[in-house]
Amino acid sequence: MDSVRTCAGSNTGSTQPDSRRSWRRGPERPLEQGSWRGWDDDFLLAWLDALPFGHSADDELVEIVDSDRHFFVRQMAAKKLGDLDRLKAFAEDRHVGQILARRLSRAEDVAYLEHLCRDSRYVEVRRAAAAQIRDLESRGVGAGGAV
């Protein structure tokens, strides 16, 4: 049986009070034409799904990730964000942190994943980071490996 890698030294449960974000069904500002803020969740999710690789919408995506929209909408925006360094600002968000951990895939990212695994307050983020480390190790990508 294969051994399962877990986050060494991580907490198994959060000692923090429940810090779930409240969310708001869109649109946030119904009169704002041409902006994601004026779109309902269904239209916003369709727009996110249609964004092509190499898009130029990272500014809007960061705003969506930082908004009060439902976590699913925020996660979908995080998945489409092109610049992962901008996503690192949301590592302490229980839902977005999971997306960040799953998108890190370079040998240089292993140290950051280990940091998330060790220091995140949220078990979901720690588990996602551990799973990503296992995946990278299975592909031969590690601290000393190549991409």
C-alpha atoms as a PDB file:
ATOM      1  CA  MET A   1       0.000   0.000   0.000  1.00  0.00           C
ATOM      2  CA  ASP A   2       1.323   3.438  -0.898  1.00  0.00           C
ATOM      3  CA  SER A   3       2.043   5.786   1.929  1.00  0.00           C
ATOM      4  CA  VAL A   4      -0.073   8.913   2.010  1.00  0.00           C
ATOM      5  CA  ARG A   5       1.765  12.172   2.458  1.00  0.00           C
ATOM      6  CA  THR A   6       0.242  14.531   4.949  1.00  0.00           C
ATOM      7  CA  CYS A   7       1.286  17.924   6.151  1.00  0.00           C
ATOM      8  CA  ALA A   8       3.911  17.346   8.795  1.00  0.00           C
ATOM      9  CA  GLY A   9       3.305  19.435  11.863  1.00  0.00           C
ATOM     10  CA  SER A  10      -0.039  20.756  10.678  1.00  0.00           C
ATOM     11  CA  ASN A  11      -3.048  21.087  12.907  1.00  0.00           C
ATOM     12  CA  THR A  12      -5.819  18.597  12.290  1.00  0.00           C
ATOM     13  CA  GLY A  13      -8.512  21.121  13.081  1.00  0.00           C
ATOM     14  CA  SER A  14      -8.889  24.834  13.218  1.00  0.00           C
ATOM     15  CA  THR A  15      -8.729  26.518  16.593  1.00  0.00           C
ATOM     16  CA  GLN A  16     -10.143  29.666  15.025  1.00  0.00           C
ATOM     17  CA  PRO A  17     -13.833  30.500  15.341  1.00  0.00           C
ATOM     18  CA  ASP A  18     -15.913  29.799  12.256  1.00  0.00           C
ATOM     19  CA  SER A  19     -14.746  32.462   9.847  1.00  0.00           C
ATOM     20  CA  ARG A  20     -16.959  31.698   6.893  1.00  0.00           C
ATOM     21  CA  ARG A  21     -17.574  34.720   4.750  1.00  0.00           C
ATOM     22  CA  SER A  22     -21.089  35.868   4.235  1.00  0.00           C
ATOM     23  CA  TRP A  23     -21.964  36.056   0.572  1.00  0.00           C
ATOM     24  CA  ARG A  24     -24.236  38.072  -1.614  1.00  0.00           C
ATOM     25  CA  ARG A  25     -26.178  36.938  -4.643  1.00  0.00           C
ATOM     26  CA  GLY A  26     -25.282  39.213  -7.562  1.00  0.00           C
ATOM     27  CA  PRO A  27     -25.574  41.672  -9.006  1.00  0.00           C
ATOM     28  CA  GLU A  28     -23.861  43.880  -6.479  1.00  0.00           C
ATOM     29  CA  ARG A  29     -24.645  47.074  -8.331  1.00  0.00           C
ATOM     30  CA  PRO A  30     -27.564  46.517 -10.704  1.00  0.00           C
ATOM     31  CA  LEU A  31     -27.114  49.825 -12.520  1.00  0.00           C
ATOM     32  CA  GLU A  32     -23.474  49.263 -13.472  1.00  0.00           C
ATOM     33  CA  GLN A  33     -23.647  48.404 -17.175  1.00  0.00           C
ATOM     34  CA  GLY A  34     -20.857  46.420 -18.827  1.00  0.00           C
ATOM     35  CA  SER A  35     -19.235  45.410 -15.537  1.00  0.00           C
ATOM     36  CA  TRP A  36     -19.252  42.044 -13.805  1.00  0.00           C
ATOM     37  CA  ARG A  37     -20.761  43.823 -10.797  1.00  0.00           C
ATOM     38  CA  GLY A  38     -23.998  44.262 -12.712  1.00  0.00           C
ATOM     39  CA  TRP A  39     -24.225  40.619 -13.819  1.00  0.00           C
ATOM     40  CA  ASP A  40     -26.199  37.963 -12.030  1.00  0.00           C
ATOM     41  CA  ASP A  41     -24.297  34.879 -10.883  1.00  0.00           C
ATOM     42  CA  ASP A  42     -25.437  32.769 -13.842  1.00  0.00           C
ATOM     43  CA  PHE A  43     -24.200  35.282 -16.412  1.00  0.00           C
ATOM     44  CA  LEU A  44     -20.981  35.861 -14.461  1.00  0.00           C
ATOM     45  CA  LEU A  45     -20.260  32.107 -14.332  1.00  0.00           C
ATOM     46  CA  ALA A  46     -20.901  31.818 -18.076  1.00  0.00           C
ATOM     47  CA  TRP A  47     -18.502  34.720 -18.714  1.00  0.00           C
ATOM     48  CA  LEU A  48     -15.852  33.080 -16.535  1.00  0.00           C
ATOM     49  CA  ASP A  49     -16.295  29.772 -18.334  1.00  0.00           C
ATOM     50  CA  ALA A  50     -15.870  31.452 -21.732  1.00  0.00           C
ATOM     51  CA  LEU A  51     -12.655  33.310 -20.838  1.00  0.00           C
ATOM     52  CA  PRO A  52      -9.929  32.030 -23.172  1.00  0.00           C
ATOM     53  CA  PHE A  53      -6.388  31.121 -22.143  1.00  0.00           C
ATOM     54  CA  GLY A  54      -4.210  34.231 -22.257  1.00  0.00           C
ATOM     55  CA  HIS A  55      -7.112  36.623 -21.554  1.00  0.00           C
ATOM     56  CA  SER A  56      -6.497  40.136 -20.229  1.00  0.00           C
ATOM     57  CA  ALA A  57      -9.116  40.072 -17.466  1.00  0.00           C
ATOM     58  CA  ASP A  58      -6.897  39.473 -14.409  1.00  0.00           C
ATOM     59  CA  ASP A  59      -7.860  42.814 -12.821  1.00  0.00           C
ATOM     60  CA  GLU A  60     -11.553  41.919 -12.967  1.00  0.00           C
ATOM     61  CA  LEU A  61     -10.843  38.388 -11.748  1.00  0.00           C
ATOM     62  CA  VAL A  62      -8.972  39.679  -8.695  1.00  0.00           C
ATOM     63  CA  GLU A  63     -11.961  41.932  -7.921  1.00  0.00           C
ATOM     64  CA  ILE A  64     -14.320  38.943  -8.183  1.00  0.00           C
ATOM     65  CA  VAL A  65     -12.098  36.789  -5.952  1.00  0.00           C
ATOM     66  CA  ASP A  66     -12.057  39.617  -3.401  1.00  0.00           C
ATOM     67  CA  SER A  67     -15.813  40.240  -3.636  1.00  0.00           C
ATOM     68  CA  ASP A  68     -18.685  39.045  -1.478  1.00  0.00           C
ATOM     69  CA  ARG A  69     -19.997  36.727  -4.184  1.00  0.00           C
ATOM     70  CA  HIS A  70     -20.646  33.081  -3.313  1.00  0.00           C
ATOM     71  CA  PHE A  71     -17.477  31.030  -2.800  1.00  0.00           C
ATOM     72  CA  PHE A  72     -18.181  28.994  -5.962  1.00  0.00           C
ATOM     73  CA  VAL A  73     -18.118  32.136  -8.119  1.00  0.00           C
ATOM     74  CA  ARG A  74     -14.946  33.299  -6.384  1.00  0.00           C
ATOM     75  CA  GLN A  75     -13.318  29.882  -6.905  1.00  0.00           C
ATOM     76  CA  MET A  76     -14.183  29.914 -10.601  1.00  0.00           C
ATOM     77  CA  ALA A  77     -12.596  33.349 -10.936  1.00  0.00           C
ATOM     78  CA  ALA A  78      -9.500  32.106  -9.088  1.00  0.00           C
ATOM     79  CA  LYS A  79      -9.193  29.192 -11.524  1.00  0.00           C
ATOM     80  CA  LYS A  80      -9.107  31.622 -14.455  1.00  0.00           C
ATOM     81  CA  LEU A  81      -6.596  34.078 -12.970  1.00  0.00           C
ATOM     82  CA  GLY A  82      -3.478  34.089 -15.146  1.00  0.00           C
ATOM     83  CA  ASP A  83      -0.995  35.575 -12.676  1.00  0.00           C
ATOM     84  CA  LEU A  84      -0.664  33.155  -9.760  1.00  0.00           C
ATOM     85  CA  ASP A  85       1.369  35.665  -7.758  1.00  0.00           C
ATOM     86  CA  ARG A  86      -1.771  37.822  -7.531  1.00  0.00           C
ATOM     87  CA  LEU A  87      -3.695  34.807  -6.229  1.00  0.00           C
ATOM     88  CA  LYS A  88      -1.205  34.317  -3.381  1.00  0.00           C
ATOM     89  CA  ALA A  89      -2.716  37.357  -1.660  1.00  0.00           C
ATOM     90  CA  PHE A  90      -5.785  35.158  -1.013  1.00  0.00           C
ATOM     91  CA  ALA A  91      -3.939  32.147   0.429  1.00  0.00           C
ATOM     92  CA  GLU A  92      -5.700  32.595   3.791  1.00  0.00           C
ATOM     93  CA  ASP A  93      -9.130  32.353   2.166  1.00  0.00           C
ATOM     94  CA  ARG A  94     -10.390  28.818   2.796  1.00  0.00           C
ATOM     95  CA  HIS A  95     -11.938  28.458  -0.676  1.00  0.00           C
ATOM     96  CA  VAL A  96      -9.479  30.380  -2.818  1.00  0.00           C
ATOM     97  CA  GLY A  97      -6.482  28.941  -0.976  1.00  0.00           C
ATOM     98  CA  GLN A  98      -7.505  25.480  -2.204  1.00  0.00           C
ATOM     99  CA  ILE A  99      -7.506  26.705  -5.809  1.00  0.00           C
ATOM    100  CA  LEU A 100      -4.114  28.337  -5.328  1.00  0.00           C
ATOM    101  CA  ALA A 101      -2.616  25.137  -3.929  1.00  0.00           C
ATOM    102  CA  ARG A 102      -3.966  23.053  -6.811  1.00  0.00           C
ATOM    103  CA  ARG A 103      -2.603  25.438  -9.455  1.00  0.00           C
ATOM    104  CA  LEU A 104       0.966  25.496  -8.156  1.00  0.00           C
ATOM    105  CA  SER A 105       2.876  23.007 -10.285  1.00  0.00           C
ATOM    106  CA  ARG A 106       6.520  24.031 -10.622  1.00  0.00           C
ATOM    107  CA  ALA A 107       9.469  22.768  -8.631  1.00  0.00           C
ATOM    108  CA  GLU A 108       9.838  26.318  -7.285  1.00  0.00           C
ATOM    109  CA  ASP A 109       6.311  26.103  -5.883  1.00  0.00           C
ATOM    110  CA  VAL A 110       7.011  23.166  -3.564  1.00  0.00           C
ATOM    111  CA  ALA A 111       8.393  25.397  -0.795  1.00  0.00           C
ATOM    112  CA  TYR A 112       5.274  27.598  -0.971  1.00  0.00           C
ATOM    113  CA  LEU A 113       3.025  24.524  -0.910  1.00  0.00           C
ATOM    114  CA  GLU A 114       4.885  23.257   2.150  1.00  0.00           C
ATOM    115  CA  HIS A 115       4.308  26.661   3.760  1.00  0.00           C
ATOM    116  CA  LEU A 116       0.550  26.391   3.044  1.00  0.00           C
ATOM    117  CA  CYS A 117       0.551  22.830   4.312  1.00  0.00           C
ATOM    118  CA  ARG A 118       2.240  23.810   7.543  1.00  0.00           C
ATOM    119  CA  ASP A 119       0.781  27.243   8.280  1.00  0.00           C
ATOM    120  CA  SER A 120      -2.717  27.523   6.830  1.00  0.00           C
ATOM    121  CA  ARG A 121      -5.516  27.843   9.386  1.00  0.00           C
ATOM    122  CA  TYR A 122      -7.858  25.832   7.175  1.00  0.00           C
ATOM    123  CA  VAL A 123      -7.782  22.071   6.852  1.00  0.00           C
ATOM    124  CA  GLU A 124      -9.143  22.362   3.281  1.00  0.00           C
ATOM    125  CA  VAL A 125      -6.142  24.428   2.200  1.00  0.00           C
ATOM    126  CA  ARG A 126      -3.687  22.140   4.012  1.00  0.00           C
ATOM    127  CA  ARG A 127      -5.229  19.070   2.360  1.00  0.00           C
ATOM    128  CA  ALA A 128      -5.146  20.658  -1.093  1.00  0.00           C
ATOM    129  CA  ALA A 129      -1.497  21.631  -0.603  1.00  0.00           C
ATOM    130  CA  ALA A 130      -0.578  18.114   0.567  1.00  0.00           C
ATOM    131  CA  ALA A 131      -2.398  16.577  -2.408  1.00  0.00           C
ATOM    132  CA  GLN A 132      -0.572  18.893  -4.795  1.00  0.00           C
ATOM    133  CA  ILE A 133       2.788  18.003  -3.228  1.00  0.00           C
ATOM    134  CA  ARG A 134       1.958  14.290  -3.648  1.00  0.00           C
ATOM    135  CA  ASP A 135       1.023  14.903  -7.275  1.00  0.00           C
ATOM    136  CA  LEU A 136       4.233  16.807  -7.944  1.00  0.00           C
ATOM    137  CA  GLU A 137       6.298  14.076  -6.273  1.00  0.00           C
ATOM    138  CA  SER A 138       4.588  11.389  -8.369  1.00  0.00           C
ATOM    139  CA  ARG A 139       5.614  13.304 -11.495  1.00  0.00           C
ATOM    140  CA  GLY A 140       9.188  13.699 -10.273  1.00  0.00           C
ATOM    141  CA  VAL A 141       8.841  17.403  -9.538  1.00  0.00           C
ATOM    142  CA  GLY A 142      10.219  18.408  -6.173  1.00  0.00           C
ATOM    143  CA  ALA A 143      12.552  20.778  -4.447  1.00  0.00           C
ATOM    144  CA  GLY A 144      15.458  19.336  -6.404  1.00  0.00           C
ATOM    145  CA  GLY A 145      13.468  18.139  -9.411  1.00  0.00           C
ATOM    146  CA  ALA A 146      12.808  19.668 -12.772  1.00  0.00           C
ATOM    147  CA  VAL A 147       9.571  20.624 -14.401  1.00  0.00           C
END
